[in-house]
C-alpha cells in the first residue's frame, strides 16, 4: 500500500452509525473490532444517536482496510486533509475512497478518506 510505516496507536479504523459508514477490516465496529484494535462508542445528536469506530492499540500491525485518513466538513478544506488530498471536495489518495455523512452542523456534510 501507500504506508511507509503502520499507523500509531489511536489510529481510527472504521466509522459507522447504524450500518452506514465504513468497516474496519471487514467488521462493523458496532459488532466488534479486529485483533489489535479496541472499540469505541460515541453518542451523537444525529443519525442513529450512536457512532462506533475501532482504535488501533498494536502499532506493529499494518493498517487495515477502513483506516481513516483526513476529516473535513462543508465540502471544503475545513478540517484535516489526507496526504494533501481534500475529502471534503471528494478527493482522496490512490488506494483510498471518500465517504460523506449528513450531519447537523456546518453545511450538513462530514467527509473523510478510508483505506480500500
C-alpha atoms as a PDB file:
ATOM      1  CA  UNK A   1       0.000   0.000   0.000  1.00  0.00           C
ATOM      2  CA  UNK A   2       0.921   3.627   0.408  1.00  0.00           C
ATOM      3  CA  UNK A   3       2.019   3.218   4.023  1.00  0.00           C
ATOM      4  CA  UNK A   4       5.686   3.782   4.765  1.00  0.00           C
ATOM      5  CA  UNK A   5       5.014   2.615   8.326  1.00  0.00           C
ATOM      6  CA  UNK A   6       1.931   1.343  10.151  1.00  0.00           C
ATOM      7  CA  UNK A   7      -0.285   3.868  11.939  1.00  0.00           C
ATOM      8  CA  UNK A   8       0.394   4.645  15.561  1.00  0.00           C
ATOM      9  CA  UNK A   9      -1.840   3.520  18.448  1.00  0.00           C
ATOM     10  CA  UNK A  10      -5.013   5.601  18.361  1.00  0.00           C
ATOM     11  CA  UNK A  11      -5.321   5.445  14.564  1.00  0.00           C
ATOM     12  CA  UNK A  12      -9.032   5.217  13.704  1.00  0.00           C
ATOM     13  CA  UNK A  13     -10.304   2.324  11.580  1.00  0.00           C
ATOM     14  CA  UNK A  14     -13.938   2.019  10.569  1.00  0.00           C
ATOM     15  CA  UNK A  15     -16.542   4.653  11.385  1.00  0.00           C
ATOM     16  CA  UNK A  16     -20.235   3.786  11.427  1.00  0.00           C
ATOM     17  CA  UNK A  17     -23.573   4.998  12.673  1.00  0.00           C
ATOM     18  CA  UNK A  18     -26.049   2.157  12.490  1.00  0.00           C
ATOM     19  CA  UNK A  19     -24.992   0.336   9.329  1.00  0.00           C
ATOM     20  CA  UNK A  20     -23.854   3.460   7.446  1.00  0.00           C
ATOM     21  CA  UNK A  21     -20.171   4.276   7.147  1.00  0.00           C
ATOM     22  CA  UNK A  22     -17.103   2.146   6.569  1.00  0.00           C
ATOM     23  CA  UNK A  23     -15.999  -1.107   8.191  1.00  0.00           C
ATOM     24  CA  UNK A  24     -12.636  -1.914   9.792  1.00  0.00           C
ATOM     25  CA  UNK A  25     -11.025  -4.969   8.262  1.00  0.00           C
ATOM     26  CA  UNK A  26     -14.483  -6.083   7.105  1.00  0.00           C
ATOM     27  CA  UNK A  27     -16.031  -5.827  10.592  1.00  0.00           C
ATOM     28  CA  UNK A  28     -18.774  -3.368  11.607  1.00  0.00           C
ATOM     29  CA  UNK A  29     -17.376  -1.586  14.709  1.00  0.00           C
ATOM     30  CA  UNK A  30     -20.808  -1.855  16.367  1.00  0.00           C
ATOM     31  CA  UNK A  31     -20.259  -5.620  16.430  1.00  0.00           C
ATOM     32  CA  UNK A  32     -16.578  -5.614  17.398  1.00  0.00           C
ATOM     33  CA  UNK A  33     -13.093  -4.878  16.102  1.00  0.00           C
ATOM     34  CA  UNK A  34     -10.237  -6.885  14.569  1.00  0.00           C
ATOM     35  CA  UNK A  35      -7.345  -8.128  16.731  1.00  0.00           C
ATOM     36  CA  UNK A  36      -5.060  -5.236  17.668  1.00  0.00           C
ATOM     37  CA  UNK A  37      -7.953  -2.726  17.831  1.00  0.00           C
ATOM     38  CA  UNK A  38     -10.340  -1.544  20.577  1.00  0.00           C
ATOM     39  CA  UNK A  39     -13.949  -0.490  20.011  1.00  0.00           C
ATOM     40  CA  UNK A  40     -15.253   2.960  20.924  1.00  0.00           C
ATOM     41  CA  UNK A  41     -18.846   4.192  21.021  1.00  0.00           C
ATOM     42  CA  UNK A  42     -19.802   7.874  20.897  1.00  0.00           C
ATOM     43  CA  UNK A  43     -23.217   9.413  21.484  1.00  0.00           C
ATOM     44  CA  UNK A  44     -24.308  11.780  18.724  1.00  0.00           C
ATOM     45  CA  UNK A  45     -27.311  14.003  18.191  1.00  0.00           C
ATOM     46  CA  UNK A  46     -27.683  12.900  14.563  1.00  0.00           C
ATOM     47  CA  UNK A  47     -28.091   9.672  12.636  1.00  0.00           C
ATOM     48  CA  UNK A  48     -28.896   6.751  14.925  1.00  0.00           C
ATOM     49  CA  UNK A  49     -27.683   8.635  18.002  1.00  0.00           C
ATOM     50  CA  UNK A  50     -24.597   6.448  18.363  1.00  0.00           C
ATOM     51  CA  UNK A  51     -21.395   6.175  16.329  1.00  0.00           C
ATOM     52  CA  UNK A  52     -18.774   3.421  16.622  1.00  0.00           C
ATOM     53  CA  UNK A  53     -15.189   3.027  15.468  1.00  0.00           C
ATOM     54  CA  UNK A  54     -12.093   0.939  16.149  1.00  0.00           C
ATOM     55  CA  UNK A  55      -8.902   2.443  17.552  1.00  0.00           C
ATOM     56  CA  UNK A  56      -5.551   0.773  16.905  1.00  0.00           C
ATOM     57  CA  UNK A  57      -3.703  -0.448  20.015  1.00  0.00           C
ATOM     58  CA  UNK A  58      -0.999  -2.569  18.321  1.00  0.00           C
ATOM     59  CA  UNK A  59       1.426  -0.403  16.316  1.00  0.00           C
ATOM     60  CA  UNK A  60       3.166  -3.456  14.814  1.00  0.00           C
ATOM     61  CA  UNK A  61       0.247  -4.488  12.577  1.00  0.00           C
ATOM     62  CA  UNK A  62      -0.437  -2.995   9.160  1.00  0.00           C
ATOM     63  CA  UNK A  63      -3.290  -0.524   8.775  1.00  0.00           C
ATOM     64  CA  UNK A  64      -6.403  -2.469   7.770  1.00  0.00           C
ATOM     65  CA  UNK A  65      -8.909  -1.586   5.057  1.00  0.00           C
ATOM     66  CA  UNK A  66     -11.206   1.015   6.595  1.00  0.00           C
ATOM     67  CA  UNK A  67      -8.389   3.037   8.202  1.00  0.00           C
ATOM     68  CA  UNK A  68      -9.494   6.683   8.274  1.00  0.00           C
ATOM     69  CA  UNK A  69      -7.342   9.468   6.828  1.00  0.00           C
ATOM     70  CA  UNK A  70      -8.357  13.140   6.947  1.00  0.00           C
ATOM     71  CA  UNK A  71     -11.708  14.530   8.089  1.00  0.00           C
ATOM     72  CA  UNK A  72     -13.369  17.673   6.748  1.00  0.00           C
ATOM     73  CA  UNK A  73     -16.705  19.481   6.807  1.00  0.00           C
ATOM     74  CA  UNK A  74     -18.576  21.794   4.467  1.00  0.00           C
ATOM     75  CA  UNK A  75     -17.428  20.139   1.204  1.00  0.00           C
ATOM     76  CA  UNK A  76     -14.342  22.302   1.659  1.00  0.00           C
ATOM     77  CA  UNK A  77     -10.975  22.258   3.381  1.00  0.00           C
ATOM     78  CA  UNK A  78     -12.311  22.891   6.905  1.00  0.00           C
ATOM     79  CA  UNK A  79     -10.524  20.214   8.932  1.00  0.00           C
ATOM     80  CA  UNK A  80      -7.655  17.808   8.273  1.00  0.00           C
ATOM     81  CA  UNK A  81      -6.574  16.753   4.776  1.00  0.00           C
ATOM     82  CA  UNK A  82      -5.266  13.283   3.850  1.00  0.00           C
ATOM     83  CA  UNK A  83      -1.783  13.439   2.369  1.00  0.00           C
ATOM     84  CA  UNK A  84      -2.624  16.735   0.655  1.00  0.00           C
ATOM     85  CA  UNK A  85      -5.984  15.480  -0.667  1.00  0.00           C
ATOM     86  CA  UNK A  86      -9.289  17.048   0.440  1.00  0.00           C
ATOM     87  CA  UNK A  87     -12.023  14.525   1.305  1.00  0.00           C
ATOM     88  CA  UNK A  88     -14.417  17.475   1.711  1.00  0.00           C
ATOM     89  CA  UNK A  89     -14.036  18.032  -2.026  1.00  0.00           C
ATOM     90  CA  UNK A  90     -14.292  14.312  -2.807  1.00  0.00           C
ATOM     91  CA  UNK A  91     -10.539  13.852  -3.246  1.00  0.00           C
ATOM     92  CA  UNK A  92      -8.522  11.014  -1.651  1.00  0.00           C
ATOM     93  CA  UNK A  93      -5.100   9.491  -2.400  1.00  0.00           C
ATOM     94  CA  UNK A  94      -4.742   6.325  -4.504  1.00  0.00           C
ATOM     95  CA  UNK A  95      -5.907   3.288  -2.532  1.00  0.00           C
ATOM     96  CA  UNK A  96      -8.431   5.339  -0.522  1.00  0.00           C
ATOM     97  CA  UNK A  97     -12.124   6.144  -1.080  1.00  0.00           C
ATOM     98  CA  UNK A  98     -14.175   9.078   0.192  1.00  0.00           C
ATOM     99  CA  UNK A  99     -17.183   8.836   2.498  1.00  0.00           C
ATOM    100  CA  UNK A 100     -19.681  11.671   3.126  1.00  0.00           C
ATOM    101  CA  UNK A 101     -22.070  11.743   6.099  1.00  0.00           C
ATOM    102  CA  UNK A 102     -25.051  14.049   6.531  1.00  0.00           C
ATOM    103  CA  UNK A 103     -24.748  15.738   9.960  1.00  0.00           C
ATOM    104  CA  UNK A 104     -26.493  18.539  11.836  1.00  0.00           C
ATOM    105  CA  UNK A 105     -23.616  21.043  11.900  1.00  0.00           C
ATOM    106  CA  UNK A 106     -21.828  23.188   9.326  1.00  0.00           C
ATOM    107  CA  UNK A 107     -23.374  22.748   5.890  1.00  0.00           C
ATOM    108  CA  UNK A 108     -24.640  19.288   6.911  1.00  0.00           C
ATOM    109  CA  UNK A 109     -21.771  17.207   5.464  1.00  0.00           C
ATOM    110  CA  UNK A 110     -18.794  15.485   7.111  1.00  0.00           C
ATOM    111  CA  UNK A 111     -16.238  13.763   4.841  1.00  0.00           C
ATOM    112  CA  UNK A 112     -13.213  11.501   5.258  1.00  0.00           C
ATOM    113  CA  UNK A 113     -10.964   9.144   3.290  1.00  0.00           C
ATOM    114  CA  UNK A 114     -10.672   5.471   4.181  1.00  0.00           C
ATOM    115  CA  UNK A 115      -8.219   2.804   3.062  1.00  0.00           C
ATOM    116  CA  UNK A 116      -9.532   0.297   0.495  1.00  0.00           C
END
